Amino acid sequence: MPELSLEAAQTILTATLKAGREKSFKPLAVAVYDSRGALRGLLAEDGTSLKRSQIAMAKAYGALALGVGSRALHKMAIDRPYFVASVSHVVGGELVPVPGGVLIKDAQGTLLGAVGVSGDTSDNDEIAAAAGIEAAGLVFDSGA
């Protein structure tokens, strides 16, 4: 089974923050999980608010738990709010159904993990996550 290397996770973390700075986003927190749901790395820029790291973690973990990017979870939350509320309970509250939780895949489409970003608008969080994943030579799936 392919796995997300620590080197790739570190590239994603730093490239995500770099993309945010280049685009003048607000300070970001970024979390990277592997496909098993193990946290591979977490960074928060100076100036992030108190719970940004936990929000980033929940965006990534929720996407990973359901196997879809959090943009798809956002649509589910609108279309089927009771389902998403129930799933949030099942995953211990680690699900934030807004963009910014992005699946990491290899070129063959194999799931390697997920990235969660929080700090700016949800759309901008997703843009930064996608940039980080691409910088590692991997493919992003936002659930769009």
C-alpha atoms as a PDB file:
ATOM      1  CA  MET A   1       0.000   0.000   0.000  1.00  0.00           C
ATOM      2  CA  PRO A   2       1.460   3.389  -0.983  1.00  0.00           C
ATOM      3  CA  GLU A   3       1.949   5.752   1.889  1.00  0.00           C
ATOM      4  CA  LEU A   4       2.553   9.424   2.401  1.00  0.00           C
ATOM      5  CA  SER A   5       6.198   9.930   3.301  1.00  0.00           C
ATOM      6  CA  LEU A   6       7.279  12.331   5.995  1.00  0.00           C
ATOM      7  CA  GLU A   7       9.231  14.232   3.350  1.00  0.00           C
ATOM      8  CA  ALA A   8       6.083  14.681   1.231  1.00  0.00           C
ATOM      9  CA  ALA A   9       4.087  15.754   4.305  1.00  0.00           C
ATOM     10  CA  GLN A  10       6.736  18.334   5.201  1.00  0.00           C
ATOM     11  CA  THR A  11       6.737  19.661   1.633  1.00  0.00           C
ATOM     12  CA  ILE A  12       2.957  19.984   1.728  1.00  0.00           C
ATOM     13  CA  LEU A  13       3.075  21.820   5.067  1.00  0.00           C
ATOM     14  CA  THR A  14       5.683  24.365   4.024  1.00  0.00           C
ATOM     15  CA  ALA A  15       4.372  24.856   0.474  1.00  0.00           C
ATOM     16  CA  THR A  16       0.833  25.415   1.773  1.00  0.00           C
ATOM     17  CA  LEU A  17       2.006  28.176   4.094  1.00  0.00           C
ATOM     18  CA  LYS A  18       4.211  29.643   1.363  1.00  0.00           C
ATOM     19  CA  ALA A  19       1.234  29.781  -1.023  1.00  0.00           C
ATOM     20  CA  GLY A  20      -0.820  31.554   1.612  1.00  0.00           C
ATOM     21  CA  ARG A  21       1.878  34.153   2.195  1.00  0.00           C
ATOM     22  CA  GLU A  22       2.363  34.710  -1.566  1.00  0.00           C
ATOM     23  CA  LYS A  23      -1.372  35.324  -1.960  1.00  0.00           C
ATOM     24  CA  SER A  24      -1.555  37.577   1.137  1.00  0.00           C
ATOM     25  CA  PHE A  25      -3.964  35.241   2.931  1.00  0.00           C
ATOM     26  CA  LYS A  26      -4.572  35.648   6.633  1.00  0.00           C
ATOM     27  CA  PRO A  27      -2.304  33.497   8.873  1.00  0.00           C
ATOM     28  CA  LEU A  28      -2.965  29.803   8.260  1.00  0.00           C
ATOM     29  CA  ALA A  29      -2.860  26.560  10.167  1.00  0.00           C
ATOM     30  CA  VAL A  30      -2.273  23.388   8.155  1.00  0.00           C
ATOM     31  CA  ALA A  31      -2.591  19.724   9.135  1.00  0.00           C
ATOM     32  CA  VAL A  32      -1.528  16.673   7.130  1.00  0.00           C
ATOM     33  CA  TYR A  33      -2.803  13.150   7.773  1.00  0.00           C
ATOM     34  CA  ASP A  34      -1.807   9.916   6.065  1.00  0.00           C
ATOM     35  CA  SER A  35      -4.388   7.472   4.701  1.00  0.00           C
ATOM     36  CA  ARG A  36      -4.524   5.627   8.046  1.00  0.00           C
ATOM     37  CA  GLY A  37      -5.658   8.813   9.780  1.00  0.00           C
ATOM     38  CA  ALA A  38      -2.324   9.337  11.527  1.00  0.00           C
ATOM     39  CA  LEU A  39      -1.243  12.958  11.879  1.00  0.00           C
ATOM     40  CA  ARG A  40       1.959  13.475   9.858  1.00  0.00           C
ATOM     41  CA  GLY A  41       2.399  17.166  10.609  1.00  0.00           C
ATOM     42  CA  LEU A  42       0.793  20.337  11.904  1.00  0.00           C
ATOM     43  CA  LEU A  43       1.952  23.937  11.535  1.00  0.00           C
ATOM     44  CA  ALA A  44       0.328  27.217  12.487  1.00  0.00           C
ATOM     45  CA  GLU A  45       1.637  30.592  11.432  1.00  0.00           C
ATOM     46  CA  ASP A  46       2.135  33.410  13.875  1.00  0.00           C
ATOM     47  CA  GLY A  47      -1.111  35.288  14.321  1.00  0.00           C
ATOM     48  CA  THR A  48      -3.565  32.427  13.859  1.00  0.00           C
ATOM     49  CA  SER A  49      -6.492  32.428  16.230  1.00  0.00           C
ATOM     50  CA  LEU A  50      -6.696  29.981  19.127  1.00  0.00           C
ATOM     51  CA  LYS A  51      -8.529  27.054  17.508  1.00  0.00           C
ATOM     52  CA  ARG A  52      -7.331  27.288  13.893  1.00  0.00           C
ATOM     53  CA  SER A  53      -5.154  24.182  14.231  1.00  0.00           C
ATOM     54  CA  GLN A  54      -8.089  22.107  15.503  1.00  0.00           C
ATOM     55  CA  ILE A  55     -10.288  23.386  12.668  1.00  0.00           C
ATOM     56  CA  ALA A  56      -7.612  22.490  10.100  1.00  0.00           C
ATOM     57  CA  MET A  57      -7.295  19.030  11.646  1.00  0.00           C
ATOM     58  CA  ALA A  58     -11.062  18.489  11.574  1.00  0.00           C
ATOM     59  CA  LYS A  59     -11.319  19.598   7.941  1.00  0.00           C
ATOM     60  CA  ALA A  60      -8.679  17.044   6.930  1.00  0.00           C
ATOM     61  CA  TYR A  61      -9.854  14.252   9.212  1.00  0.00           C
ATOM     62  CA  GLY A  62     -13.490  14.617   8.178  1.00  0.00           C
ATOM     63  CA  ALA A  63     -12.551  14.513   4.499  1.00  0.00           C
ATOM     64  CA  LEU A  64     -10.433  11.429   5.105  1.00  0.00           C
ATOM     65  CA  ALA A  65     -13.107   9.708   7.195  1.00  0.00           C
ATOM     66  CA  LEU A  66     -15.722  10.080   4.460  1.00  0.00           C
ATOM     67  CA  GLY A  67     -13.332   9.734   1.516  1.00  0.00           C
ATOM     68  CA  VAL A  68     -14.329  13.016  -0.117  1.00  0.00           C
ATOM     69  CA  GLY A  69     -12.925  16.521  -0.035  1.00  0.00           C
ATOM     70  CA  SER A  70     -14.650  18.864   2.370  1.00  0.00           C
ATOM     71  CA  ARG A  71     -16.177  20.880  -0.500  1.00  0.00           C
ATOM     72  CA  ALA A  72     -18.331  17.769  -1.124  1.00  0.00           C
ATOM     73  CA  LEU A  73     -19.019  17.580   2.625  1.00  0.00           C
ATOM     74  CA  HIS A  74     -20.249  21.173   2.474  1.00  0.00           C
ATOM     75  CA  LYS A  75     -22.741  20.222  -0.230  1.00  0.00           C
ATOM     76  CA  MET A  76     -23.804  17.194   1.826  1.00  0.00           C
ATOM     77  CA  ALA A  77     -24.334  19.443   4.855  1.00  0.00           C
ATOM     78  CA  ILE A  78     -26.691  21.607   2.815  1.00  0.00           C
ATOM     79  CA  ASP A  79     -28.504  18.708   1.131  1.00  0.00           C
ATOM     80  CA  ARG A  80     -28.500  16.244   4.053  1.00  0.00           C
ATOM     81  CA  PRO A  81     -27.848  18.126   7.301  1.00  0.00           C
ATOM     82  CA  TYR A  82     -28.977  15.281   9.583  1.00  0.00           C
ATOM     83  CA  PHE A  83     -26.562  12.873   7.909  1.00  0.00           C
ATOM     84  CA  VAL A  84     -23.589  15.218   8.322  1.00  0.00           C
ATOM     85  CA  ALA A  85     -24.527  15.949  11.930  1.00  0.00           C
ATOM     86  CA  SER A  86     -24.678  12.208  12.597  1.00  0.00           C
ATOM     87  CA  VAL A  87     -21.351  11.546  10.895  1.00  0.00           C
ATOM     88  CA  SER A  88     -19.770  14.374  12.868  1.00  0.00           C
ATOM     89  CA  HIS A  89     -20.850  12.575  16.019  1.00  0.00           C
ATOM     90  CA  VAL A  90     -19.501   9.236  14.745  1.00  0.00           C
ATOM     91  CA  VAL A  91     -16.055  10.718  14.020  1.00  0.00           C
ATOM     92  CA  GLY A  92     -15.881  12.365  17.432  1.00  0.00           C
ATOM     93  CA  GLY A  93     -16.637  15.867  16.186  1.00  0.00           C
ATOM     94  CA  GLU A  94     -13.604  15.899  13.891  1.00  0.00           C
ATOM     95  CA  LEU A  95     -15.471  17.092  10.818  1.00  0.00           C
ATOM     96  CA  VAL A  96     -15.826  20.657   9.555  1.00  0.00           C
ATOM     97  CA  PRO A  97     -17.962  20.573   6.390  1.00  0.00           C
ATOM     98  CA  VAL A  98     -16.588  23.577   4.522  1.00  0.00           C
ATOM     99  CA  PRO A  99     -13.867  23.815   1.845  1.00  0.00           C
ATOM    100  CA  GLY A 100     -10.289  23.501   3.037  1.00  0.00           C
ATOM    101  CA  GLY A 101     -10.126  19.734   3.652  1.00  0.00           C
ATOM    102  CA  VAL A 102      -8.458  18.239   0.586  1.00  0.00           C
ATOM    103  CA  LEU A 103      -7.624  14.622  -0.204  1.00  0.00           C
ATOM    104  CA  ILE A 104      -4.081  13.749  -1.296  1.00  0.00           C
ATOM    105  CA  LYS A 105      -3.771  11.216  -4.116  1.00  0.00           C
ATOM    106  CA  ASP A 106      -0.973   9.861  -6.252  1.00  0.00           C
ATOM    107  CA  ALA A 107      -1.014   9.990 -10.060  1.00  0.00           C
ATOM    108  CA  GLN A 108      -2.927   6.687 -10.180  1.00  0.00           C
ATOM    109  CA  GLY A 109      -5.670   8.043  -7.908  1.00  0.00           C
ATOM    110  CA  THR A 110      -4.634   6.114  -4.806  1.00  0.00           C
ATOM    111  CA  LEU A 111      -5.602   7.876  -1.600  1.00  0.00           C
ATOM    112  CA  LEU A 112      -2.498   8.875   0.396  1.00  0.00           C
ATOM    113  CA  GLY A 113      -4.002  11.180   3.009  1.00  0.00           C
ATOM    114  CA  ALA A 114      -5.598  14.581   3.504  1.00  0.00           C
ATOM    115  CA  VAL A 115      -4.664  18.189   4.175  1.00  0.00           C
ATOM    116  CA  GLY A 116      -6.726  20.627   6.204  1.00  0.00           C
ATOM    117  CA  VAL A 117      -6.202  24.374   6.180  1.00  0.00           C
ATOM    118  CA  SER A 118      -7.888  27.057   8.243  1.00  0.00           C
ATOM    119  CA  GLY A 119      -7.304  30.765   8.704  1.00  0.00           C
ATOM    120  CA  ASP A 120      -8.670  32.620   5.704  1.00  0.00           C
ATOM    121  CA  THR A 121     -11.898  32.120   3.770  1.00  0.00           C
ATOM    122  CA  SER A 122     -12.726  28.477   3.160  1.00  0.00           C
ATOM    123  CA  ASP A 123     -12.110  28.911  -0.575  1.00  0.00           C
ATOM    124  CA  ASN A 124      -8.683  30.430   0.084  1.00  0.00           C
ATOM    125  CA  ASP A 125      -7.877  27.667   2.572  1.00  0.00           C
ATOM    126  CA  GLU A 126      -8.615  25.149  -0.182  1.00  0.00           C
ATOM    127  CA  ILE A 127      -6.434  27.052  -2.698  1.00  0.00           C
ATOM    128  CA  ALA A 128      -3.483  26.944  -0.280  1.00  0.00           C
ATOM    129  CA  ALA A 129      -3.991  23.220   0.418  1.00  0.00           C
ATOM    130  CA  ALA A 130      -4.095  22.417  -3.302  1.00  0.00           C
ATOM    131  CA  ALA A 131      -0.878  24.376  -3.874  1.00  0.00           C
ATOM    132  CA  GLY A 132       0.862  22.461  -1.100  1.00  0.00           C
ATOM    133  CA  ILE A 133      -0.195  19.098  -2.502  1.00  0.00           C
ATOM    134  CA  GLU A 134       0.878  20.020  -6.033  1.00  0.00           C
ATOM    135  CA  ALA A 135       4.265  21.215  -4.723  1.00  0.00           C
ATOM    136  CA  ALA A 136       4.857  17.672  -3.446  1.00  0.00           C
ATOM    137  CA  GLY A 137       4.155  16.302  -6.939  1.00  0.00           C
ATOM    138  CA  LEU A 138       0.839  14.801  -5.853  1.00  0.00           C
ATOM    139  CA  VAL A 139      -2.789  15.239  -6.893  1.00  0.00           C
ATOM    140  CA  PHE A 140      -5.454  17.082  -4.895  1.00  0.00           C
ATOM    141  CA  ASP A 141      -9.143  16.223  -4.664  1.00  0.00           C
ATOM    142  CA  SER A 142     -11.210  18.995  -3.090  1.00  0.00           C
ATOM    143  CA  GLY A 143     -14.519  17.248  -3.598  1.00  0.00           C
ATOM    144  CA  ALA A 144     -15.654  19.730  -6.235  1.00  0.00           C
END
